[in-house]
């Protein structure tokens, strides 16, 4: 049931322990010099990463590396994670107050961030689309890592949120061929509606310049290596957490001189790192979002329901399986 918080109170979603989420009510934070207070309009669930965190599958060895830019607490628990947030600036410099911004904050009704971490968004753009900036940043980083360029033959494996966003970005560089490899009929139909050519794994062309892997499965990674052309590159976008998928580096992997590249959004991709800051990369990702991306918004829930919603995502409940961007709402905040 949605409730209206008391004046001067804020709500924050925390992962208290594995499979245990909680919405805390706290005082509205106060910005310091050089910071702004943002009242959240919407936040978004990134299903892969946030389900992994909810299940407690973050290895201790990378807990620091996987820290979200504006998270509270520390991984694995207790932590207020997340990185898709759109809201209105309520306190800060005069030129920002009342403006809508995107930040890499999570599921909190009020957030305080440094001024430099705010990204102004167009008033005529749906706030739901702006939420995708953090996912588009992941895809853009992968394209820079490869790199992907004009006239390339490209395959994207996995039609989840990250895979579809990445494929839509690839459309913008005019590839000679772009195939989305996906086994789910619902996701394949959505991709087709967006102008993407979808194929089953067995039907994917095998002479790709770059394969972008986003299925988070050993089977998908194995197929990615199989359909990469000689001297080509596989860019791994999936995060497996505590799982250790087998990577088939025998057979012809070395003879065909394949490259397997890891990409992680905590750093700008190496080919651009000396010339782009993380702030510039996020601004570029925001600028690339257009009306095609609106179709990736597939569901909404109030923040009060987040504990049960995250349980369902982490358990792959039936209703979540074809969710892409799931939006969290904050009606009733002051």
Protein backbone atom coordinates (compact mmCIF):
# COMPACT_ATOMS: atom_id res chain seq x y z
CA UNK A 1 0.00 0.00 0.00
CA UNK A 2 1.32 3.46 -0.94
CA UNK A 3 1.63 5.84 2.01
CA UNK A 4 2.33 9.55 2.20
CA UNK A 5 5.48 10.32 4.19
CA UNK A 6 5.59 12.93 6.92
CA UNK A 7 6.81 16.38 5.93
CA UNK A 8 10.57 16.61 6.13
CA UNK A 9 10.98 12.85 5.84
CA UNK A 10 12.60 10.89 3.02
CA UNK A 11 12.48 7.26 1.91
CA UNK A 12 15.49 5.14 1.00
CA UNK A 13 15.60 1.59 -0.29
CA UNK A 14 18.31 -0.55 1.36
CA UNK A 15 19.43 -4.11 0.86
CA UNK A 16 19.85 -5.17 4.48
CA UNK A 17 21.08 -8.71 3.77
CA UNK A 18 20.71 -11.32 1.06
CA UNK A 19 17.05 -11.49 0.00
CA UNK A 20 16.12 -8.81 2.52
CA UNK A 21 15.24 -5.34 1.24
CA UNK A 22 13.74 -2.55 3.32
CA UNK A 23 12.43 0.97 2.73
CA UNK A 24 13.75 3.20 5.49
CA UNK A 25 12.21 6.53 6.48
CA UNK A 26 14.85 9.13 7.33
CA UNK A 27 15.30 12.88 7.56
CA UNK A 28 15.57 14.69 4.26
CA UNK A 29 19.33 15.18 3.72
CA UNK A 30 20.82 18.66 3.74
CA UNK A 31 23.22 19.66 0.96
CA UNK A 32 26.62 21.13 1.83
CA UNK A 33 28.52 23.74 -0.14
CA UNK A 34 28.95 22.52 -3.70
CA UNK A 35 26.06 20.03 -3.47
CA UNK A 36 22.41 19.97 -4.50
CA UNK A 37 19.30 18.39 -3.01
CA UNK A 38 17.21 16.51 -5.56
CA UNK A 39 13.65 15.30 -5.05
CA UNK A 40 13.32 12.09 -7.01
CA UNK A 41 10.59 11.80 -9.62
CA UNK A 42 11.52 8.31 -10.83
CA UNK A 43 14.26 5.75 -10.38
CA UNK A 44 14.89 2.66 -12.44
CA UNK A 45 15.81 -0.95 -11.70
CA UNK A 46 18.73 -2.36 -13.65
CA UNK A 47 17.60 -6.00 -13.37
CA UNK A 48 20.89 -7.84 -13.82
CA UNK A 49 23.11 -5.90 -11.42
CA UNK A 50 20.47 -5.22 -8.80
CA UNK A 51 19.23 -8.82 -8.70
CA UNK A 52 22.80 -9.99 -8.21
CA UNK A 53 23.24 -7.57 -5.30
CA UNK A 54 19.89 -8.58 -3.78
CA UNK A 55 20.92 -12.24 -3.82
CA UNK A 56 24.24 -11.45 -2.13
CA UNK A 57 26.30 -12.57 -5.13
CA UNK A 58 28.89 -9.77 -5.02
CA UNK A 59 32.37 -11.26 -4.44
CA UNK A 60 34.17 -9.63 -1.53
CA UNK A 61 37.21 -9.12 -3.73
CA UNK A 62 35.38 -6.65 -6.02
CA UNK A 63 32.96 -5.02 -3.58
CA UNK A 64 34.91 -1.76 -3.71
CA UNK A 65 35.21 -1.80 -7.49
CA UNK A 66 31.46 -2.33 -7.94
CA UNK A 67 30.50 0.59 -5.75
CA UNK A 68 27.78 2.76 -7.34
CA UNK A 69 28.75 6.44 -7.66
CA UNK A 70 26.14 7.69 -5.16
CA UNK A 71 25.53 4.58 -3.05
CA UNK A 72 25.07 4.67 0.70
CA UNK A 73 26.64 1.97 2.83
CA UNK A 74 29.02 -0.64 1.51
CA UNK A 75 28.65 -3.77 -0.58
CA UNK A 76 27.57 -6.39 0.08
CA UNK A 77 25.32 -5.23 2.99
CA UNK A 78 23.75 -3.09 4.19
CA UNK A 79 23.75 -0.93 1.09
CA UNK A 80 21.54 1.51 -0.79
CA UNK A 81 22.71 0.81 -4.34
CA UNK A 82 21.29 1.71 -7.76
CA UNK A 83 22.28 4.20 -10.44
CA UNK A 84 19.24 5.35 -12.42
CA UNK A 85 17.56 8.44 -10.96
CA UNK A 86 15.70 11.44 -12.40
CA UNK A 87 14.49 14.24 -10.17
CA UNK A 88 14.02 17.96 -9.61
CA UNK A 89 16.67 20.12 -7.93
CA UNK A 90 15.13 21.65 -4.77
CA UNK A 91 18.20 23.25 -3.19
CA UNK A 92 21.40 24.42 -4.83
CA UNK A 93 22.60 27.10 -7.25
CA UNK A 94 19.84 29.34 -8.56
CA UNK A 95 20.32 28.23 -12.16
CA UNK A 96 19.64 24.60 -11.19
CA UNK A 97 16.74 24.94 -8.74
CA UNK A 98 13.56 23.65 -10.35
CA UNK A 99 15.42 21.91 -13.18
CA UNK A 100 15.15 18.21 -13.96
CA UNK A 101 18.40 16.26 -13.73
CA UNK A 102 19.71 12.74 -14.15
CA UNK A 103 22.11 11.38 -11.57
CA UNK A 104 23.72 8.03 -10.85
CA UNK A 105 21.78 7.78 -7.59
CA UNK A 106 19.49 4.93 -6.64
CA UNK A 107 16.10 4.37 -5.09
CA UNK A 108 15.83 7.26 -2.66
CA UNK A 109 13.12 9.91 -2.58
CA UNK A 110 15.68 12.64 -1.88
CA UNK A 111 19.35 12.56 -2.82
CA UNK A 112 22.27 14.90 -2.23
CA UNK A 113 25.01 14.85 -4.85
CA UNK A 114 27.86 17.14 -5.93
CA UNK A 115 26.81 19.78 -8.45
CA UNK A 116 29.17 18.28 -11.03
CA UNK A 117 27.35 14.94 -10.88
CA UNK A 118 24.04 16.45 -12.06
CA UNK A 119 23.16 16.18 -15.74
CA UNK A 120 20.43 18.52 -16.99
CA UNK A 121 17.82 16.82 -19.15
CA UNK A 122 15.36 18.32 -21.59
CA UNK A 123 11.98 19.33 -20.21
CA UNK A 124 10.34 17.96 -23.37
CA UNK A 125 11.89 14.49 -22.98
CA UNK A 126 10.00 11.85 -20.95
CA UNK A 127 11.66 11.31 -17.58
CA UNK A 128 11.41 7.54 -18.13
CA UNK A 129 13.68 7.83 -21.18
CA UNK A 130 16.23 9.86 -19.24
CA UNK A 131 16.48 7.01 -16.73
CA UNK A 132 18.14 4.93 -19.44
CA UNK A 133 21.20 7.21 -19.52
CA UNK A 134 23.05 5.00 -17.04
CA UNK A 135 22.40 1.90 -19.18
CA UNK A 136 23.30 3.72 -22.40
CA UNK A 137 26.58 4.66 -20.74
CA UNK A 138 27.34 0.95 -20.32
CA UNK A 139 26.60 0.30 -23.99
CA UNK A 140 28.57 3.30 -25.20
CA UNK A 141 31.58 2.23 -23.15
CA UNK A 142 31.44 -1.21 -24.78
CA UNK A 143 31.28 0.30 -28.28
CA UNK A 144 34.32 2.43 -27.47
CA UNK A 145 36.15 -0.59 -26.09
CA UNK A 146 35.78 -2.69 -29.25
CA UNK A 147 35.75 -0.21 -31.01
CA UNK A 148 32.66 -0.38 -33.25
CA UNK A 149 32.70 1.78 -36.35
CA UNK A 150 31.00 2.43 -39.70
CA UNK A 151 30.40 -0.54 -41.96
CA UNK A 152 31.15 -3.19 -39.34
CA UNK A 153 29.40 -6.54 -39.06
CA UNK A 154 28.09 -6.65 -35.49
CA UNK A 155 26.21 -9.14 -33.35
CA UNK A 156 24.70 -8.42 -29.95
CA UNK A 157 23.94 -11.53 -27.88
CA UNK A 158 21.16 -11.12 -25.33
CA UNK A 159 18.04 -9.00 -25.71
CA UNK A 160 17.69 -7.85 -22.12
CA UNK A 161 17.90 -4.22 -21.09
CA UNK A 162 21.65 -3.83 -21.63
CA UNK A 163 21.64 -5.81 -24.88
CA UNK A 164 18.74 -3.90 -26.42
CA UNK A 165 20.11 -0.51 -25.42
CA UNK A 166 23.50 -1.46 -26.86
CA UNK A 167 21.95 -2.71 -30.10
CA UNK A 168 20.01 0.53 -30.53
CA UNK A 169 23.25 2.47 -30.06
CA UNK A 170 24.97 0.31 -32.70
CA UNK A 171 22.21 1.25 -35.16
CA UNK A 172 23.50 4.81 -34.95
CA UNK A 173 26.94 3.97 -36.37
CA UNK A 174 25.46 2.52 -39.59
CA UNK A 175 26.81 -1.03 -39.42
CA UNK A 176 26.96 -3.12 -42.57
CA UNK A 177 25.05 -5.77 -40.62
CA UNK A 178 23.56 -5.88 -37.14
CA UNK A 179 22.04 -9.03 -35.65
CA UNK A 180 20.49 -9.37 -32.21
CA UNK A 181 20.83 -12.97 -31.01
CA UNK A 182 17.93 -13.83 -28.70
CA UNK A 183 15.94 -16.96 -27.83
CA UNK A 184 12.90 -15.33 -26.17
CA UNK A 185 9.96 -14.70 -28.52
CA UNK A 186 8.64 -11.68 -26.62
CA UNK A 187 11.99 -9.90 -26.64
CA UNK A 188 12.55 -10.81 -30.27
CA UNK A 189 9.22 -9.25 -31.26
CA UNK A 190 10.00 -6.07 -29.35
CA UNK A 191 13.41 -5.87 -31.02
CA UNK A 192 11.82 -6.38 -34.43
CA UNK A 193 9.38 -3.53 -33.73
CA UNK A 194 12.43 -1.35 -33.07
CA UNK A 195 13.92 -2.22 -36.44
CA UNK A 196 16.43 -4.76 -35.15
CA UNK A 197 17.06 -8.00 -37.01
CA UNK A 198 16.81 -10.86 -34.52
CA UNK A 199 18.08 -14.39 -35.01
CA UNK A 200 18.33 -17.57 -32.96
CA UNK A 201 21.83 -18.54 -31.83
CA UNK A 202 22.09 -21.31 -34.42
CA UNK A 203 21.21 -18.88 -37.23
CA UNK A 204 23.65 -16.09 -36.38
CA UNK A 205 26.18 -15.16 -39.05
CA UNK A 206 29.71 -16.26 -38.16
CA UNK A 207 31.93 -13.56 -39.67
CA UNK A 208 31.40 -10.68 -37.27
CA UNK A 209 33.94 -7.94 -36.69
CA UNK A 210 32.68 -7.44 -33.13
CA UNK A 211 30.31 -9.45 -30.94
CA UNK A 212 28.88 -7.69 -27.89
CA UNK A 213 27.86 -10.27 -25.29
CA UNK A 214 25.14 -9.35 -22.79
CA UNK A 215 23.30 -12.61 -22.02
CA UNK A 216 25.14 -13.32 -18.73
CA UNK A 217 25.30 -16.99 -19.67
CA UNK A 218 28.11 -19.41 -20.47
CA UNK A 219 26.16 -20.59 -23.52
CA UNK A 220 25.92 -17.04 -24.85
CA UNK A 221 29.62 -16.40 -24.33
CA UNK A 222 30.53 -19.64 -26.07
CA UNK A 223 28.35 -18.70 -29.06
CA UNK A 224 29.89 -15.22 -29.09
CA UNK A 225 33.35 -16.71 -29.62
CA UNK A 226 32.03 -19.06 -32.31
CA UNK A 227 30.49 -16.29 -34.44
CA UNK A 228 33.35 -13.82 -34.16
CA UNK A 229 35.35 -13.61 -37.38
CA UNK A 230 39.10 -14.18 -37.50
CA UNK A 231 41.01 -11.40 -35.70
CA UNK A 232 37.68 -10.13 -34.34
CA UNK A 233 36.69 -9.09 -30.83
CA UNK A 234 34.16 -10.23 -28.24
CA UNK A 235 33.25 -7.52 -25.72
CA UNK A 236 31.86 -8.98 -22.47
CA UNK A 237 29.21 -6.70 -20.91
CA UNK A 238 27.79 -9.29 -18.48
CA UNK A 239 28.63 -9.30 -14.79
CA UNK A 240 28.52 -12.82 -13.32
CA UNK A 241 29.11 -11.99 -9.65
CA UNK A 242 30.16 -15.10 -7.76
CA UNK A 243 29.52 -17.38 -10.76
CA UNK A 244 32.49 -18.54 -12.86
CA UNK A 245 31.30 -19.49 -16.34
CA UNK A 246 33.54 -21.72 -18.40
CA UNK A 247 35.12 -19.85 -21.31
CA UNK A 248 36.02 -22.13 -24.25
CA UNK A 249 39.52 -20.94 -25.11
CA UNK A 250 40.57 -24.23 -26.68
CA UNK A 251 39.85 -25.36 -30.23
CA UNK A 252 40.52 -22.46 -32.63
CA UNK A 253 40.48 -19.53 -30.21
CA UNK A 254 44.23 -18.87 -30.53
CA UNK A 255 44.54 -19.96 -34.15
CA UNK A 256 41.90 -17.38 -35.17
CA UNK A 257 43.53 -14.70 -33.00
CA UNK A 258 40.31 -13.73 -31.25
CA UNK A 259 40.23 -11.02 -28.59
CA UNK A 260 38.05 -11.26 -25.47
CA UNK A 261 37.63 -7.83 -23.89
CA UNK A 262 36.15 -7.00 -20.50
CA UNK A 263 34.32 -3.72 -20.11
CA UNK A 264 33.13 -2.12 -16.89
CA UNK A 265 31.54 1.28 -16.57
CA UNK A 266 33.62 2.29 -13.55
CA UNK A 267 36.34 3.39 -16.01
CA UNK A 268 36.12 4.98 -19.43
CA UNK A 269 37.06 2.45 -22.14
CA UNK A 270 40.81 2.41 -22.74
CA UNK A 271 40.70 3.77 -26.33
CA UNK A 272 38.97 6.95 -25.03
CA UNK A 273 40.25 7.21 -21.46
CA UNK A 274 42.80 9.97 -22.10
CA UNK A 275 40.28 12.12 -23.96
CA UNK A 276 36.94 11.56 -22.18
CA UNK A 277 35.99 11.91 -18.54
CA UNK A 278 33.23 9.83 -16.98
CA UNK A 279 31.09 12.98 -16.84
CA UNK A 280 31.59 13.55 -20.56
CA UNK A 281 30.78 9.91 -21.31
CA UNK A 282 27.49 10.12 -19.41
CA UNK A 283 26.58 13.38 -21.14
CA UNK A 284 27.24 11.67 -24.49
CA UNK A 285 25.03 8.74 -23.50
CA UNK A 286 22.18 11.10 -22.58
CA UNK A 287 22.45 12.83 -25.95
CA UNK A 288 22.06 9.52 -27.79
CA UNK A 289 18.68 8.64 -26.29
CA UNK A 290 15.75 9.14 -28.66
CA UNK A 291 12.13 8.02 -28.93
CA UNK A 292 13.11 4.44 -29.86
CA UNK A 293 14.23 3.86 -26.29
CA UNK A 294 10.77 4.61 -24.85
CA UNK A 295 9.66 1.07 -25.77
CA UNK A 296 12.12 -0.34 -23.22
CA UNK A 297 10.05 0.99 -20.29
CA UNK A 298 8.00 -2.06 -19.34
CA UNK A 299 6.65 -1.66 -15.81
CA UNK A 300 6.16 0.58 -12.77
CA UNK A 301 5.98 0.07 -9.01
CA UNK A 302 5.85 2.45 -6.02
CA UNK A 303 8.97 2.59 -3.89
CA UNK A 304 7.11 0.99 -0.95
CA UNK A 305 6.83 -2.26 -2.94
CA UNK A 306 10.54 -2.47 -3.78
CA UNK A 307 11.37 -5.19 -1.22
CA UNK A 308 8.92 -7.64 -2.79
CA UNK A 309 9.65 -6.45 -6.34
CA UNK A 310 13.38 -7.09 -5.86
CA UNK A 311 12.60 -10.53 -4.41
CA UNK A 312 10.74 -11.31 -7.63
CA UNK A 313 13.49 -9.99 -9.91
CA UNK A 314 16.17 -11.89 -8.02
CA UNK A 315 14.15 -15.10 -8.18
CA UNK A 316 13.28 -14.59 -11.88
CA UNK A 317 9.56 -14.70 -11.12
CA UNK A 318 7.43 -15.21 -14.22
CA UNK A 319 6.21 -11.60 -14.44
CA UNK A 320 9.77 -10.21 -14.38
CA UNK A 321 11.20 -12.30 -17.20
CA UNK A 322 10.25 -9.84 -19.92
CA UNK A 323 10.71 -6.71 -17.88
CA UNK A 324 13.36 -4.37 -19.27
CA UNK A 325 13.42 -0.98 -17.52
CA UNK A 326 11.19 -1.22 -14.44
CA UNK A 327 10.38 2.26 -13.10
CA UNK A 328 10.05 3.10 -9.40
CA UNK A 329 7.66 5.92 -8.49
CA UNK A 330 7.62 8.30 -5.51
CA UNK A 331 4.13 9.80 -5.37
CA UNK A 332 3.35 11.67 -2.17
CA UNK A 333 6.83 13.02 -1.45
CA UNK A 334 7.19 16.57 -0.25
